[in-house]
């Protein structure tokens, strides 16, 4: 799942946003012209995602509903881990580039700073009598 192509990730966006989507709704969102080729592409991507357990299909209604079987945060985490592996395992260059590149808002920087601060604070154990 870490190396999921952008096309499959795009198919997951609508179910992540709405909770479920039909193949037709996905095609409309991804391909406004909705050619037969576009419909076939979306359906093939859904089949592959379903085969790998990344989406589930509800066959109960007239149109099958597809739901994401993996959360967005889980996918992003796996993709970041794969990126770190390819980059030699060091998180520092990734964070440094994000921060220096101006891609983070002041609020995101504050959240990141707070997270780092909270991780640096280890709870102290009370000394037991003994």
N, C-alpha and C. Protein backbone atom coordinates (compact mmCIF):
# COMPACT_ATOMS: atom_id res chain seq x y z
N UNK A 1 0.82 -1.20 0.00
CA UNK A 1 0.00 0.00 0.00
C UNK A 1 0.86 1.26 0.00
N UNK A 2 2.10 1.14 0.46
CA UNK A 2 2.94 2.31 0.55
C UNK A 2 3.23 2.92 -0.82
N UNK A 3 3.30 2.11 -1.83
CA UNK A 3 3.62 2.61 -3.17
C UNK A 3 2.38 2.69 -4.05
N UNK A 4 1.26 3.02 -3.49
CA UNK A 4 0.02 3.10 -4.26
C UNK A 4 0.14 4.23 -5.29
N UNK A 5 -0.17 3.93 -6.55
CA UNK A 5 -0.08 4.97 -7.59
C UNK A 5 -1.10 6.08 -7.36
N UNK A 6 -0.79 7.23 -7.93
CA UNK A 6 -1.68 8.39 -7.79
C UNK A 6 -3.08 8.09 -8.31
N UNK A 7 -3.18 7.28 -9.36
CA UNK A 7 -4.50 6.97 -9.92
C UNK A 7 -5.37 6.22 -8.91
N UNK A 8 -4.79 5.28 -8.21
CA UNK A 8 -5.56 4.53 -7.21
C UNK A 8 -5.87 5.42 -6.00
N UNK A 9 -4.93 6.26 -5.64
CA UNK A 9 -5.17 7.18 -4.53
C UNK A 9 -6.31 8.14 -4.88
N UNK A 10 -6.36 8.59 -6.13
CA UNK A 10 -7.43 9.48 -6.57
C UNK A 10 -8.78 8.79 -6.45
N UNK A 11 -8.83 7.50 -6.73
CA UNK A 11 -10.09 6.75 -6.62
C UNK A 11 -10.53 6.67 -5.16
N UNK A 12 -9.59 6.66 -4.24
CA UNK A 12 -9.94 6.58 -2.81
C UNK A 12 -10.43 7.91 -2.24
N UNK A 13 -10.13 9.02 -2.90
CA UNK A 13 -10.49 10.33 -2.35
C UNK A 13 -11.98 10.48 -2.07
N UNK A 14 -12.83 10.13 -3.02
CA UNK A 14 -14.28 10.31 -2.84
C UNK A 14 -14.82 9.44 -1.70
N UNK A 15 -14.48 8.15 -1.63
CA UNK A 15 -14.93 7.38 -0.47
C UNK A 15 -14.39 7.93 0.85
N UNK A 16 -13.18 8.47 0.86
CA UNK A 16 -12.66 9.08 2.08
C UNK A 16 -13.51 10.28 2.48
N UNK A 17 -13.92 11.07 1.50
CA UNK A 17 -14.70 12.28 1.78
C UNK A 17 -16.14 11.96 2.15
N UNK A 18 -16.76 11.08 1.41
CA UNK A 18 -18.20 10.81 1.58
C UNK A 18 -18.51 9.57 2.38
N UNK A 19 -17.56 8.69 2.53
CA UNK A 19 -17.82 7.42 3.20
C UNK A 19 -18.07 6.30 2.22
N UNK A 20 -18.69 6.60 1.09
CA UNK A 20 -18.95 5.60 0.06
C UNK A 20 -19.21 6.31 -1.26
N UNK A 21 -18.98 5.60 -2.35
CA UNK A 21 -19.24 6.16 -3.67
C UNK A 21 -19.45 5.02 -4.66
N UNK A 22 -20.26 5.28 -5.67
CA UNK A 22 -20.46 4.30 -6.74
C UNK A 22 -19.36 4.50 -7.78
N UNK A 23 -19.22 3.52 -8.65
CA UNK A 23 -18.24 3.63 -9.74
C UNK A 23 -18.59 4.83 -10.62
N UNK A 24 -19.86 5.06 -10.83
CA UNK A 24 -20.28 6.20 -11.66
C UNK A 24 -19.90 7.53 -11.01
N UNK A 25 -20.14 7.66 -9.71
CA UNK A 25 -19.76 8.89 -9.00
C UNK A 25 -18.25 9.12 -9.07
N UNK A 26 -17.50 8.06 -8.94
CA UNK A 26 -16.04 8.17 -9.03
C UNK A 26 -15.61 8.61 -10.42
N UNK A 27 -16.24 8.04 -11.44
CA UNK A 27 -15.90 8.41 -12.82
C UNK A 27 -16.24 9.88 -13.06
N UNK A 28 -17.40 10.32 -12.58
CA UNK A 28 -17.79 11.72 -12.73
C UNK A 28 -16.79 12.66 -12.06
N UNK A 29 -16.30 12.27 -10.89
CA UNK A 29 -15.37 13.11 -10.15
C UNK A 29 -13.99 13.16 -10.82
N UNK A 30 -13.58 12.05 -11.38
CA UNK A 30 -12.23 11.97 -11.95
C UNK A 30 -12.16 12.35 -13.42
N UNK A 31 -13.21 12.05 -14.16
CA UNK A 31 -13.21 12.27 -15.61
C UNK A 31 -14.51 12.95 -16.02
N UNK A 32 -14.55 14.26 -16.06
CA UNK A 32 -15.79 14.97 -16.38
C UNK A 32 -16.41 14.56 -17.72
N UNK A 33 -15.61 14.16 -18.70
CA UNK A 33 -16.18 13.75 -19.99
C UNK A 33 -16.84 12.38 -19.93
N UNK A 34 -16.38 11.54 -19.04
CA UNK A 34 -16.97 10.21 -18.80
C UNK A 34 -17.10 9.36 -20.05
N UNK A 35 -16.02 9.16 -20.74
CA UNK A 35 -16.04 8.29 -21.91
C UNK A 35 -16.10 6.83 -21.44
N UNK A 36 -16.48 5.93 -22.32
CA UNK A 36 -16.47 4.51 -21.95
C UNK A 36 -15.09 4.06 -21.46
N UNK A 37 -14.05 4.60 -22.05
CA UNK A 37 -12.69 4.27 -21.62
C UNK A 37 -12.45 4.75 -20.19
N UNK A 38 -12.94 5.95 -19.85
CA UNK A 38 -12.80 6.47 -18.49
C UNK A 38 -13.52 5.57 -17.49
N UNK A 39 -14.73 5.16 -17.84
CA UNK A 39 -15.51 4.28 -16.97
C UNK A 39 -14.79 2.95 -16.76
N UNK A 40 -14.23 2.41 -17.82
CA UNK A 40 -13.51 1.14 -17.73
C UNK A 40 -12.27 1.29 -16.85
N UNK A 41 -11.59 2.43 -16.96
CA UNK A 41 -10.39 2.67 -16.16
C UNK A 41 -10.74 2.70 -14.68
N UNK A 42 -11.79 3.44 -14.32
CA UNK A 42 -12.19 3.53 -12.92
C UNK A 42 -12.61 2.17 -12.39
N UNK A 43 -13.36 1.44 -13.18
CA UNK A 43 -13.82 0.13 -12.72
C UNK A 43 -12.63 -0.81 -12.51
N UNK A 44 -11.65 -0.76 -13.42
CA UNK A 44 -10.47 -1.61 -13.30
C UNK A 44 -9.66 -1.23 -12.04
N UNK A 45 -9.54 0.06 -11.79
CA UNK A 45 -8.83 0.51 -10.58
C UNK A 45 -9.57 0.04 -9.33
N UNK A 46 -10.89 0.11 -9.34
CA UNK A 46 -11.68 -0.35 -8.20
C UNK A 46 -11.50 -1.85 -7.98
N UNK A 47 -11.49 -2.61 -9.07
CA UNK A 47 -11.28 -4.06 -8.94
C UNK A 47 -9.92 -4.36 -8.32
N UNK A 48 -8.89 -3.65 -8.76
CA UNK A 48 -7.55 -3.88 -8.22
C UNK A 48 -7.47 -3.47 -6.75
N UNK A 49 -8.08 -2.34 -6.42
CA UNK A 49 -8.10 -1.91 -5.01
C UNK A 49 -8.86 -2.91 -4.14
N UNK A 50 -9.96 -3.44 -4.68
CA UNK A 50 -10.75 -4.42 -3.93
C UNK A 50 -9.96 -5.72 -3.76
N UNK A 51 -9.28 -6.17 -4.81
CA UNK A 51 -8.48 -7.39 -4.73
C UNK A 51 -7.39 -7.29 -3.67
N UNK A 52 -6.85 -6.10 -3.49
CA UNK A 52 -5.79 -5.90 -2.51
C UNK A 52 -6.32 -5.55 -1.13
N UNK A 53 -7.65 -5.46 -0.99
CA UNK A 53 -8.24 -5.16 0.30
C UNK A 53 -8.23 -3.69 0.67
N UNK A 54 -8.05 -2.81 -0.31
CA UNK A 54 -8.00 -1.38 -0.03
C UNK A 54 -9.36 -0.72 -0.11
N UNK A 55 -10.31 -1.35 -0.79
CA UNK A 55 -11.70 -0.91 -0.78
C UNK A 55 -12.59 -2.12 -0.56
N UNK A 56 -13.78 -1.86 -0.04
CA UNK A 56 -14.80 -2.89 0.08
C UNK A 56 -15.98 -2.49 -0.79
N UNK A 57 -16.74 -3.49 -1.21
CA UNK A 57 -17.88 -3.23 -2.08
C UNK A 57 -19.15 -3.73 -1.42
N UNK A 58 -20.16 -2.86 -1.38
CA UNK A 58 -21.48 -3.23 -0.88
C UNK A 58 -22.35 -3.50 -2.11
N UNK A 59 -22.72 -4.75 -2.29
CA UNK A 59 -23.49 -5.16 -3.47
C UNK A 59 -25.00 -5.14 -3.21
N UNK A 60 -25.41 -4.55 -2.08
CA UNK A 60 -26.80 -4.60 -1.66
C UNK A 60 -27.78 -3.77 -2.47
N UNK A 61 -27.37 -2.68 -3.03
CA UNK A 61 -28.30 -1.81 -3.74
C UNK A 61 -28.20 -1.97 -5.24
N UNK A 62 -28.94 -1.15 -5.97
CA UNK A 62 -28.90 -1.24 -7.44
C UNK A 62 -27.52 -0.87 -8.00
N UNK A 63 -26.81 0.04 -7.32
CA UNK A 63 -25.45 0.40 -7.72
C UNK A 63 -24.52 0.04 -6.56
N UNK A 64 -23.46 -0.67 -6.87
CA UNK A 64 -22.52 -1.06 -5.83
C UNK A 64 -21.86 0.17 -5.22
N UNK A 65 -21.75 0.16 -3.91
CA UNK A 65 -21.11 1.23 -3.16
C UNK A 65 -19.71 0.77 -2.75
N UNK A 66 -18.73 1.61 -3.01
CA UNK A 66 -17.36 1.31 -2.63
C UNK A 66 -16.95 2.18 -1.45
N UNK A 67 -16.32 1.54 -0.47
CA UNK A 67 -15.83 2.24 0.72
C UNK A 67 -14.33 1.99 0.86
N UNK A 68 -13.63 2.99 1.34
CA UNK A 68 -12.20 2.82 1.59
C UNK A 68 -12.02 1.88 2.78
N UNK A 69 -11.12 0.93 2.63
CA UNK A 69 -10.84 -0.01 3.71
C UNK A 69 -9.56 0.38 4.46
N UNK A 70 -8.95 1.47 4.04
CA UNK A 70 -7.76 1.99 4.70
C UNK A 70 -7.97 3.48 4.91
N UNK A 71 -7.59 3.98 6.08
CA UNK A 71 -7.76 5.40 6.38
C UNK A 71 -6.67 6.21 5.68
N UNK A 72 -7.01 7.44 5.36
CA UNK A 72 -6.07 8.34 4.69
C UNK A 72 -4.78 8.49 5.49
N UNK A 73 -4.89 8.70 6.81
CA UNK A 73 -3.70 8.88 7.65
C UNK A 73 -2.81 7.64 7.63
N UNK A 74 -3.42 6.47 7.59
CA UNK A 74 -2.65 5.23 7.53
C UNK A 74 -1.88 5.16 6.22
N UNK A 75 -2.54 5.50 5.13
CA UNK A 75 -1.89 5.49 3.82
C UNK A 75 -0.75 6.50 3.78
N UNK A 76 -0.98 7.71 4.26
CA UNK A 76 0.06 8.74 4.26
C UNK A 76 1.25 8.27 5.10
N UNK A 77 0.97 7.68 6.25
CA UNK A 77 2.04 7.17 7.11
C UNK A 77 2.88 6.11 6.41
N UNK A 78 2.22 5.20 5.70
CA UNK A 78 2.95 4.15 4.98
C UNK A 78 3.77 4.74 3.84
N UNK A 79 3.21 5.73 3.16
CA UNK A 79 3.94 6.37 2.07
C UNK A 79 5.16 7.11 2.60
N UNK A 80 5.03 7.77 3.74
CA UNK A 80 6.16 8.46 4.34
C UNK A 80 7.25 7.48 4.77
N UNK A 81 6.84 6.35 5.34
CA UNK A 81 7.81 5.34 5.73
C UNK A 81 8.56 4.82 4.51
N UNK A 82 7.86 4.59 3.40
CA UNK A 82 8.51 4.12 2.17
C UNK A 82 9.47 5.19 1.64
N UNK A 83 9.07 6.45 1.71
CA UNK A 83 9.93 7.55 1.28
C UNK A 83 11.19 7.61 2.13
N UNK A 84 11.03 7.46 3.44
CA UNK A 84 12.18 7.48 4.33
C UNK A 84 13.13 6.33 4.02
N UNK A 85 12.57 5.16 3.74
CA UNK A 85 13.42 4.01 3.39
C UNK A 85 14.23 4.31 2.14
N UNK A 86 13.58 4.91 1.13
CA UNK A 86 14.28 5.23 -0.12
C UNK A 86 15.30 6.33 0.07
N UNK A 87 15.09 7.19 1.07
CA UNK A 87 15.99 8.32 1.31
C UNK A 87 17.06 7.99 2.34
N UNK A 88 17.20 6.75 2.69
CA UNK A 88 18.25 6.36 3.63
C UNK A 88 17.82 6.30 5.08
N UNK A 89 16.55 6.50 5.34
CA UNK A 89 16.02 6.32 6.69
C UNK A 89 16.08 7.53 7.59
N UNK A 90 16.59 8.65 7.12
CA UNK A 90 16.69 9.83 7.98
C UNK A 90 15.50 10.76 7.78
N UNK A 91 14.83 11.07 8.85
CA UNK A 91 13.68 11.96 8.82
C UNK A 91 14.09 13.43 8.77
N UNK A 92 15.26 13.73 9.28
CA UNK A 92 15.68 15.13 9.37
C UNK A 92 15.69 15.86 8.03
N UNK A 93 16.24 15.31 6.93
CA UNK A 93 16.21 16.05 5.66
C UNK A 93 14.79 16.32 5.16
N UNK A 94 13.88 15.38 5.37
CA UNK A 94 12.50 15.57 4.95
C UNK A 94 11.86 16.73 5.70
N UNK A 95 11.98 16.72 7.02
CA UNK A 95 11.40 17.79 7.82
C UNK A 95 12.07 19.13 7.53
N UNK A 96 13.37 19.11 7.39
CA UNK A 96 14.10 20.35 7.11
C UNK A 96 13.63 20.96 5.80
N UNK A 97 13.47 20.14 4.78
CA UNK A 97 13.00 20.66 3.49
C UNK A 97 11.58 21.17 3.55
N UNK A 98 10.72 20.49 4.28
CA UNK A 98 9.34 20.96 4.43
C UNK A 98 9.30 22.31 5.14
N UNK A 99 10.08 22.43 6.20
CA UNK A 99 10.06 23.67 6.99
C UNK A 99 10.70 24.81 6.23
N UNK A 100 11.88 24.58 5.69
CA UNK A 100 12.59 25.65 4.97
C UNK A 100 11.92 25.99 3.64
N UNK A 101 11.22 25.05 3.07
CA UNK A 101 10.57 25.28 1.78
C UNK A 101 9.32 26.13 1.88
N UNK A 102 8.92 26.48 3.08
CA UNK A 102 7.76 27.34 3.25
C UNK A 102 6.43 26.66 2.95
N UNK A 103 6.41 25.34 2.99
CA UNK A 103 5.19 24.61 2.67
C UNK A 103 4.27 24.43 3.87
N UNK A 104 4.76 24.79 5.04
CA UNK A 104 3.95 24.65 6.25
C UNK A 104 3.43 26.02 6.67
N UNK A 105 2.18 26.04 7.09
CA UNK A 105 1.59 27.28 7.59
C UNK A 105 2.12 27.53 9.00
N UNK A 106 1.98 28.76 9.50
CA UNK A 106 2.38 29.02 10.88
C UNK A 106 1.67 28.09 11.88
N UNK A 107 0.41 27.81 11.62
CA UNK A 107 -0.34 26.90 12.50
C UNK A 107 0.26 25.49 12.46
N UNK A 108 0.60 25.01 11.27
CA UNK A 108 1.21 23.69 11.15
C UNK A 108 2.56 23.64 11.84
N UNK A 109 3.32 24.73 11.73
CA UNK A 109 4.62 24.80 12.42
C UNK A 109 4.43 24.74 13.93
N UNK A 110 3.43 25.46 14.44
CA UNK A 110 3.13 25.43 15.88
C UNK A 110 2.76 24.02 16.32
N UNK A 111 1.91 23.37 15.53
CA UNK A 111 1.50 22.00 15.87
C UNK A 111 2.70 21.06 15.87
N UNK A 112 3.57 21.21 14.90
CA UNK A 112 4.76 20.38 14.82
C UNK A 112 5.67 20.63 16.03
N UNK A 113 5.85 21.90 16.37
CA UNK A 113 6.67 22.26 17.54
C UNK A 113 6.07 21.66 18.81
N UNK A 114 4.76 21.78 18.96
CA UNK A 114 4.09 21.22 20.15
C UNK A 114 4.25 19.71 20.21
N UNK A 115 4.14 19.06 19.06
CA UNK A 115 4.30 17.60 19.00
C UNK A 115 5.71 17.20 19.42
N UNK A 116 6.71 17.87 18.87
CA UNK A 116 8.09 17.57 19.22
C UNK A 116 8.33 17.80 20.70
N UNK A 117 7.80 18.91 21.22
CA UNK A 117 7.95 19.20 22.65
C UNK A 117 7.30 18.11 23.50
N UNK A 118 6.11 17.68 23.11
CA UNK A 118 5.41 16.67 23.91
C UNK A 118 6.12 15.31 23.85
N UNK A 119 6.76 15.01 22.74
CA UNK A 119 7.48 13.75 22.64
C UNK A 119 8.77 13.77 23.47
N UNK A 120 9.31 14.96 23.67
CA UNK A 120 10.53 15.10 24.46
C UNK A 120 10.29 15.02 25.95
N UNK A 121 9.05 15.09 26.35
CA UNK A 121 8.71 15.05 27.77
C UNK A 121 8.31 13.63 28.14
N UNK A 122 9.18 12.94 28.81
CA UNK A 122 8.84 11.59 29.23
C UNK A 122 8.26 11.63 30.63
N UNK A 123 7.16 10.92 30.83
CA UNK A 123 6.57 10.93 32.17
C UNK A 123 7.54 10.30 33.18
N UNK A 124 7.62 10.93 34.32
CA UNK A 124 8.50 10.40 35.37
C UNK A 124 7.72 9.44 36.22
N UNK A 125 8.37 8.35 36.51
CA UNK A 125 7.72 7.35 37.37
C UNK A 125 7.88 7.75 38.83
N UNK A 126 6.84 7.48 39.56
CA UNK A 126 6.93 7.72 41.01
C UNK A 126 7.76 6.62 41.63
N UNK A 127 8.60 7.01 42.53
CA UNK A 127 9.44 6.02 43.21
C UNK A 127 8.55 5.25 44.18
N UNK A 128 8.63 3.97 44.05
CA UNK A 128 7.85 3.12 44.94
C UNK A 128 8.56 2.87 46.25
N UNK A 129 7.79 2.53 47.23
CA UNK A 129 8.39 2.20 48.52
C UNK A 129 8.94 0.79 48.43
N UNK A 130 10.08 0.63 48.88
CA UNK A 130 10.48 -0.70 48.81
C UNK A 130 11.75 -1.10 49.19
